[in-house]
Structures are given as structure tokens and as C-alpha cells.
PDB file of N, CA and C in Angstrom:
ATOM      1  N   MET A   1       9.707  27.420  -3.668  1.00  0.00           N
ATOM      2  CA  MET A   1      11.450  27.538  -4.094  1.00  0.00           C
ATOM      3  C   MET A   1      11.552  26.955  -5.012  1.00  0.00           C
ATOM      4  N   ASP A   2      12.321  26.965  -6.119  1.00  0.00           N
ATOM      5  CA  ASP A   2      12.990  26.014  -7.019  1.00  0.00           C
ATOM      6  C   ASP A   2      13.778  24.976  -6.516  1.00  0.00           C
ATOM      7  N   ARG A   3      13.239  23.608  -6.930  1.00  0.00           N
ATOM      8  CA  ARG A   3      13.576  22.335  -5.783  1.00  0.00           C
ATOM      9  C   ARG A   3      15.314  22.449  -6.482  1.00  0.00           C
ATOM     10  N   SER A   4      15.321  22.937  -8.272  1.00  0.00           N
ATOM     11  CA  SER A   4      16.645  22.591  -8.871  1.00  0.00           C
ATOM     12  C   SER A   4      17.540  23.817  -8.742  1.00  0.00           C
ATOM     13  N   SER A   5      16.958  24.809  -7.253  1.00  0.00           N
ATOM     14  CA  SER A   5      18.105  26.243  -7.390  1.00  0.00           C
ATOM     15  C   SER A   5      19.492  25.541  -6.140  1.00  0.00           C
ATOM     16  N   ALA A   6      20.102  26.154  -6.380  1.00  0.00           N
ATOM     17  CA  ALA A   6      21.485  25.491  -5.622  1.00  0.00           C
ATOM     18  C   ALA A   6      21.306  25.933  -4.008  1.00  0.00           C
ATOM     19  N   ASP A   7      20.467  26.689  -3.473  1.00  0.00           N
ATOM     20  CA  ASP A   7      20.393  26.447  -2.389  1.00  0.00           C
ATOM     21  C   ASP A   7      18.982  25.723  -1.936  1.00  0.00           C
ATOM     22  N   TYR A   8      18.542  24.578  -2.808  1.00  0.00           N
ATOM     23  CA  TYR A   8      17.522  23.636  -2.250  1.00  0.00           C
ATOM     24  C   TYR A   8      18.038  22.967  -1.036  1.00  0.00           C
ATOM     25  N   ARG A   9      16.997  22.624   0.049  1.00  0.00           N
ATOM     26  CA  ARG A   9      17.775  21.342   0.919  1.00  0.00           C
ATOM     27  C   ARG A   9      16.322  20.719   0.824  1.00  0.00           C
ATOM     28  N   ALA A  10      16.013  19.577   0.811  1.00  0.00           N
ATOM     29  CA  ALA A  10      14.918  18.882   1.049  1.00  0.00           C
ATOM     30  C   ALA A  10      15.227  17.924   3.054  1.00  0.00           C
ATOM     31  N   ARG A  11      14.023  18.183   3.355  1.00  0.00           N
ATOM     32  CA  ARG A  11      14.203  17.691   4.821  1.00  0.00           C
ATOM     33  C   ARG A  11      14.160  16.240   4.663  1.00  0.00           C
ATOM     34  N   MET A  12      15.210  15.668   5.918  1.00  0.00           N
ATOM     35  CA  MET A  12      14.846  14.560   6.252  1.00  0.00           C
ATOM     36  C   MET A  12      13.765  13.170   5.599  1.00  0.00           C
ATOM     37  N   ALA A  13      13.146  12.852   4.836  1.00  0.00           N
ATOM     38  CA  ALA A  13      12.614  11.470   4.640  1.00  0.00           C
ATOM     39  C   ALA A  13      12.464  10.253   4.847  1.00  0.00           C
ATOM     40  N   ARG A  14      11.517   9.574   4.626  1.00  0.00           N
ATOM     41  CA  ARG A  14      11.751   7.726   4.554  1.00  0.00           C
ATOM     42  C   ARG A  14      10.631   7.297   3.793  1.00  0.00           C
ATOM     43  N   ALA A  15      11.143   6.212   2.655  1.00  0.00           N
ATOM     44  CA  ALA A  15      10.296   5.702   2.079  1.00  0.00           C
ATOM     45  C   ALA A  15      10.203   4.106   2.076  1.00  0.00           C
ATOM     46  N   PRO A  16       8.948   3.241   2.287  1.00  0.00           N
ATOM     47  CA  PRO A  16       8.760   2.223   2.761  1.00  0.00           C
ATOM     48  C   PRO A  16       9.626   0.919   1.497  1.00  0.00           C
ATOM     49  N   PHE A  17      10.298   1.374   0.258  1.00  0.00           N
ATOM     50  CA  PHE A  17      10.591   1.264  -0.797  1.00  0.00           C
ATOM     51  C   PHE A  17      12.091   1.629  -1.260  1.00  0.00           C
ATOM     52  N   ASP A  18      13.096   0.664  -1.465  1.00  0.00           N
ATOM     53  CA  ASP A  18      14.260   0.676  -1.884  1.00  0.00           C
ATOM     54  C   ASP A  18      14.154   1.645  -3.139  1.00  0.00           C
ATOM     55  N   GLY A  19      15.027   2.980  -2.829  1.00  0.00           N
ATOM     56  CA  GLY A  19      15.247   4.229  -4.182  1.00  0.00           C
ATOM     57  C   GLY A  19      16.843   4.130  -4.394  1.00  0.00           C
ATOM     58  N   VAL A  20      16.296   4.547  -5.864  1.00  0.00           N
ATOM     59  CA  VAL A  20      17.906   5.081  -6.724  1.00  0.00           C
ATOM     60  C   VAL A  20      18.065   6.527  -7.565  1.00  0.00           C
ATOM     61  N   ALA A  21      18.531   7.535  -7.123  1.00  0.00           N
ATOM     62  CA  ALA A  21      18.624   8.756  -7.449  1.00  0.00           C
ATOM     63  C   ALA A  21      20.011   8.977  -8.485  1.00  0.00           C
ATOM     64  N   HIS A  22      19.446   9.663  -9.566  1.00  0.00           N
ATOM     65  CA  HIS A  22      20.443   8.987 -10.640  1.00  0.00           C
ATOM     66  C   HIS A  22      20.492  10.928 -10.823  1.00  0.00           C
ATOM     67  N   VAL A  23      21.793  11.301 -10.754  1.00  0.00           N
ATOM     68  CA  VAL A  23      21.691  12.728 -10.864  1.00  0.00           C
ATOM     69  C   VAL A  23      22.099  12.923 -12.782  1.00  0.00           C
ATOM     70  N   LEU A  24      20.952  13.454 -13.074  1.00  0.00           N
ATOM     71  CA  LEU A  24      21.346  14.013 -14.498  1.00  0.00           C
ATOM     72  C   LEU A  24      22.499  15.280 -14.591  1.00  0.00           C
ATOM     73  N   GLU A  25      21.928  15.959 -14.199  1.00  0.00           N
ATOM     74  CA  GLU A  25      22.800  17.165 -14.502  1.00  0.00           C
ATOM     75  C   GLU A  25      23.436  17.989 -13.026  1.00  0.00           C
ATOM     76  N   GLY A  26      24.124  18.395 -13.006  1.00  0.00           N
ATOM     77  CA  GLY A  26      24.706  19.286 -12.000  1.00  0.00           C
ATOM     78  C   GLY A  26      25.108  18.756 -10.795  1.00  0.00           C
ATOM     79  N   GLN A  27      24.984  18.959  -9.280  1.00  0.00           N
ATOM     80  CA  GLN A  27      25.985  18.266  -8.484  1.00  0.00           C
ATOM     81  C   GLN A  27      24.921  18.424  -7.114  1.00  0.00           C
ATOM     82  N   ALA A  28      24.861  17.017  -6.237  1.00  0.00           N
ATOM     83  CA  ALA A  28      23.753  17.237  -5.394  1.00  0.00           C
ATOM     84  C   ALA A  28      24.555  16.453  -4.196  1.00  0.00           C
ATOM     85  N   GLU A  29      24.321  16.388  -2.873  1.00  0.00           N
ATOM     86  CA  GLU A  29      24.648  16.010  -1.749  1.00  0.00           C
ATOM     87  C   GLU A  29      23.528  15.262  -0.995  1.00  0.00           C
ATOM     88  N   ILE A  30      23.612  14.202  -1.209  1.00  0.00           N
ATOM     89  CA  ILE A  30      22.544  12.863  -0.462  1.00  0.00           C
ATOM     90  C   ILE A  30      22.890  12.363   0.271  1.00  0.00           C
ATOM     91  N   THR A  31      21.735  12.440   1.418  1.00  0.00           N
ATOM     92  CA  THR A  31      22.309  12.045   2.996  1.00  0.00           C
ATOM     93  C   THR A  31      21.904  10.957   3.010  1.00  0.00           C
ATOM     94  N   VAL A  32      22.028   9.778   3.365  1.00  0.00           N
ATOM     95  CA  VAL A  32      21.250   8.328   3.552  1.00  0.00           C
ATOM     96  C   VAL A  32      21.575   7.840   4.820  1.00  0.00           C
ATOM     97  N   ALA A  33      20.943   7.774   6.079  1.00  0.00           N
ATOM     98  CA  ALA A  33      20.936   7.297   7.355  1.00  0.00           C
ATOM     99  C   ALA A  33      22.357   8.199   8.036  1.00  0.00           C
ATOM    100  N   GLY A  34      22.381   9.376   7.454  1.00  0.00           N
ATOM    101  CA  GLY A  34      23.448  10.305   8.658  1.00  0.00           C
ATOM    102  C   GLY A  34      25.011  10.232   7.648  1.00  0.00           C
ATOM    103  N   VAL A  35      24.965   9.795   6.418  1.00  0.00           N
ATOM    104  CA  VAL A  35      26.209   9.726   5.566  1.00  0.00           C
ATOM    105  C   VAL A  35      25.855  10.508   4.499  1.00  0.00           C
ATOM    106  N   PRO A  36      26.623  11.762   4.611  1.00  0.00           N
ATOM    107  CA  PRO A  36      26.592  12.378   3.131  1.00  0.00           C
ATOM    108  C   PRO A  36      27.534  11.961   1.873  1.00  0.00           C
ATOM    109  N   LEU A  37      27.026  11.825   1.088  1.00  0.00           N
ATOM    110  CA  LEU A  37      28.005  11.934  -0.230  1.00  0.00           C
ATOM    111  C   LEU A  37      27.499  13.087  -1.907  1.00  0.00           C
ATOM    112  N   THR A  38      28.648  13.172  -2.188  1.00  0.00           N
ATOM    113  CA  THR A  38      28.348  14.113  -2.939  1.00  0.00           C
ATOM    114  C   THR A  38      28.114  13.425  -4.104  1.00  0.00           C
ATOM    115  N   ALA A  39      27.355  13.492  -5.301  1.00  0.00           N
ATOM    116  CA  ALA A  39      27.406  12.900  -6.298  1.00  0.00           C
ATOM    117  C   ALA A  39      26.917  13.902  -7.446  1.00  0.00           C
ATOM    118  N   SER A  40      27.905  13.433  -8.087  1.00  0.00           N
ATOM    119  CA  SER A  40      27.726  14.813 -10.345  1.00  0.00           C
ATOM    120  C   SER A  40      26.688  13.903 -11.109  1.00  0.00           C
ATOM    121  N   ALA A  41      27.119  15.128 -12.107  1.00  0.00           N
ATOM    122  CA  ALA A  41      26.193  14.027 -13.098  1.00  0.00           C
ATOM    123  C   ALA A  41      26.720  12.816 -14.021  1.00  0.00           C
ATOM    124  N   GLY A  42      25.514  11.697 -14.213  1.00  0.00           N
ATOM    125  CA  GLY A  42      25.919  10.737 -13.998  1.00  0.00           C
ATOM    126  C   GLY A  42      25.914   9.510 -13.139  1.00  0.00           C
ATOM    127  N   GLU A  43      26.192  10.054 -12.068  1.00  0.00           N
ATOM    128  CA  GLU A  43      26.430   8.879 -10.478  1.00  0.00           C
ATOM    129  C   GLU A  43      24.814   8.813  -9.853  1.00  0.00           C
ATOM    130  N   LEU A  44      24.737   7.575  -9.498  1.00  0.00           N
ATOM    131  CA  LEU A  44      23.786   6.829  -8.457  1.00  0.00           C
ATOM    132  C   LEU A  44      24.065   7.135  -7.782  1.00  0.00           C
ATOM    133  N   SER A  45      23.078   7.099  -6.731  1.00  0.00           N
ATOM    134  CA  SER A  45      23.091   6.510  -4.910  1.00  0.00           C
ATOM    135  C   SER A  45      21.986   5.776  -4.935  1.00  0.00           C
ATOM    136  N   LEU A  46      22.253   5.172  -4.365  1.00  0.00           N
ATOM    137  CA  LEU A  46      20.835   4.004  -3.606  1.00  0.00           C
ATOM    138  C   LEU A  46      20.314   4.259  -2.075  1.00  0.00           C
ATOM    139  N   MET A  47      19.102   4.618  -2.288  1.00  0.00           N
ATOM    140  CA  MET A  47      18.655   4.679  -1.050  1.00  0.00           C
ATOM    141  C   MET A  47      17.563   3.479  -0.099  1.00  0.00           C
ATOM    142  N   PRO A  48      18.238   2.586   0.628  1.00  0.00           N
ATOM    143  CA  PRO A  48      17.474   1.636   1.266  1.00  0.00           C
ATOM    144  C   PRO A  48      15.999   2.123   1.705  1.00  0.00           C
ATOM    145  N   ALA A  49      15.657   1.393   1.724  1.00  0.00           N
ATOM    146  CA  ALA A  49      14.126   1.402   2.081  1.00  0.00           C
ATOM    147  C   ALA A  49      13.709   1.330   3.423  1.00  0.00           C
ATOM    148  N   ASN A  50      13.377   2.359   4.531  1.00  0.00           N
ATOM    149  CA  ASN A  50      13.308   2.826   5.553  1.00  0.00           C
ATOM    150  C   ASN A  50      14.112   3.506   6.379  1.00  0.00           C
ATOM    151  N   GLN A  51      15.219   3.825   5.310  1.00  0.00           N
ATOM    152  CA  GLN A  51      16.409   4.482   5.801  1.00  0.00           C
ATOM    153  C   GLN A  51      16.228   6.056   5.676  1.00  0.00           C
ATOM    154  N   PRO A  52      16.549   7.169   6.797  1.00  0.00           N
ATOM    155  CA  PRO A  52      16.569   8.750   6.891  1.00  0.00           C
ATOM    156  C   PRO A  52      17.027   8.822   5.682  1.00  0.00           C
ATOM    157  N   HIS A  53      16.790   9.994   4.377  1.00  0.00           N
ATOM    158  CA  HIS A  53      17.501  10.674   3.200  1.00  0.00           C
ATOM    159  C   HIS A  53      16.961  11.976   3.364  1.00  0.00           C
ATOM    160  N   ALA A  54      17.785  12.471   2.870  1.00  0.00           N
ATOM    161  CA  ALA A  54      17.510  14.193   2.056  1.00  0.00           C
ATOM    162  C   ALA A  54      18.541  13.893   1.014  1.00  0.00           C
ATOM    163  N   VAL A  55      18.198  15.346   0.599  1.00  0.00           N
ATOM    164  CA  VAL A  55      19.119  15.493  -0.802  1.00  0.00           C
ATOM    165  C   VAL A  55      19.254  17.315  -0.735  1.00  0.00           C
ATOM    166  N   HIS A  56      20.443  17.828  -1.161  1.00  0.00           N
ATOM    167  CA  HIS A  56      21.118  19.521  -0.944  1.00  0.00           C
ATOM    168  C   HIS A  56      21.053  19.555  -2.417  1.00  0.00           C
ATOM    169  N   ALA A  57      20.863  20.935  -2.579  1.00  0.00           N
ATOM    170  CA  ALA A  57      21.464  20.930  -4.095  1.00  0.00           C
ATOM    171  C   ALA A  57      22.833  21.799  -3.905  1.00  0.00           C
ATOM    172  N   ARG A  58      24.057  21.175  -4.579  1.00  0.00           N
ATOM    173  CA  ARG A  58      25.340  22.029  -4.339  1.00  0.00           C
ATOM    174  C   ARG A  58      25.629  23.059  -5.608  1.00  0.00           C
ATOM    175  N   THR A  59      24.876  22.377  -6.717  1.00  0.00           N
ATOM    176  CA  THR A  59      24.648  23.336  -7.530  1.00  0.00           C
ATOM    177  C   THR A  59      23.086  22.971  -7.768  1.00  0.00           C
ATOM    178  N   ARG A  60      22.575  23.651  -9.281  1.00  0.00           N
ATOM    179  CA  ARG A  60      21.754  23.695 -10.052  1.00  0.00           C
ATOM    180  C   ARG A  60      21.980  22.412 -10.433  1.00  0.00           C
ATOM    181  N   PHE A  61      20.787  21.247 -10.325  1.00  0.00           N
ATOM    182  CA  PHE A  61      20.723  19.734 -10.612  1.00  0.00           C
ATOM    183  C   PHE A  61      19.610  19.596 -11.242  1.00  0.00           C
ATOM    184  N   LYS A  62      19.695  18.171 -11.967  1.00  0.00           N
ATOM    185  CA  LYS A  62      18.469  17.657 -12.061  1.00  0.00           C
ATOM    186  C   LYS A  62      18.695  16.116 -11.920  1.00  0.00           C
ATOM    187  N   MET A  63      17.379  15.404 -11.077  1.00  0.00           N
ATOM    188  CA  MET A  63      18.080  13.864 -10.707  1.00  0.00           C
ATOM    189  C   MET A  63      16.567  13.337 -11.023  1.00  0.00           C
ATOM    190  N   LEU A  64      17.041  12.374 -11.302  1.00  0.00           N
ATOM    191  CA  LEU A  64      15.483  10.734 -11.396  1.00  0.00           C
ATOM    192  C   LEU A  64      15.975   9.866 -10.153  1.00  0.00           C
ATOM    193  N   LEU A  65      14.567  10.391  -9.513  1.00  0.00           N
ATOM    194  CA  LEU A  65      14.196   9.083  -8.876  1.00  0.00           C
ATOM    195  C   LEU A  65      13.826   8.049  -8.749  1.00  0.00           C
ATOM    196  N   THR A  66      13.718   6.610  -8.723  1.00  0.00           N
ATOM    197  CA  THR A  66      13.088   5.649  -9.160  1.00  0.00           C
ATOM    198  C   THR A  66      13.318   4.481  -7.825  1.00  0.00           C
ATOM    199  N   MET A  67      11.660   4.257  -7.490  1.00  0.00           N
ATOM    200  CA  MET A  67      11.587   3.619  -6.323  1.00  0.00           C
ATOM    201  C   MET A  67      11.185   1.887  -6.944  1.00  0.00           C
ATOM    202  N   LEU A  68      11.851   1.622  -6.046  1.00  0.00           N
ATOM    203  CA  LEU A  68      12.092  -0.396  -6.683  1.00  0.00           C
ATOM    204  C   LEU A  68      10.520  -0.719  -5.467  1.00  0.00           C
ATOM    205  N   ARG A  69      10.131  -1.480  -5.984  1.00  0.00           N
ATOM    206  CA  ARG A  69       8.990  -2.215  -5.436  1.00  0.00           C
ATOM    207  C   ARG A  69       8.771  -3.229  -5.620  1.00  0.00           C
ATOM    208  N   SER A  70       9.001  -4.513  -4.566  1.00  0.00           N
ATOM    209  CA  SER A  70       8.683  -6.035  -5.422  1.00  0.00           C
ATOM    210  C   SER A  70       7.630  -6.383  -4.684  1.00  0.00           C
ATOM    211  N   ILE A  71       6.985  -7.108  -6.177  1.00  0.00           N
ATOM    212  CA  ILE A  71       5.598  -7.386  -6.099  1.00  0.00           C
ATOM    213  C   ILE A  71       5.379  -8.788  -5.610  1.00  0.00           C
TER     214      ILE A  71
END
């Protein structure tokens, strides 16, 4: 399945590091710890470490995911 398609839905996941999801094009619903947020092009969403999160494409979209790891 094309992950940028309007019907793409990722399963819930967790990551050991904080993440920042930057929507570059289109619109996505980003759910963090059970709270949904609609993010459009140019908007960011913080995904705290060890919290369940998922992404659902509201329209075709592109997203840049940056993981923040302190050393």
C-alpha cells in the first residue's frame, strides 16, 4: 500500500525517543496517547518517547519524521 495515499493508516507504535512529525504536504491525523490532532502542511506534532502514536492520511501527504536522541 502507498503510505502517502488518502486511506493509509499506520498501526499504533511506540518509540524510545521523542519524535517530531512535520507535515510537508497535505493533511494527516496524528494520534498521540489516544489524542487525535489534525496537522496540515507546515505544522508540527511532538510525539513523546514511549507514548503510543499513529498516523492516518486525511489526504495524500508527505511527512518528515525526526527522532530526538540525547547522548
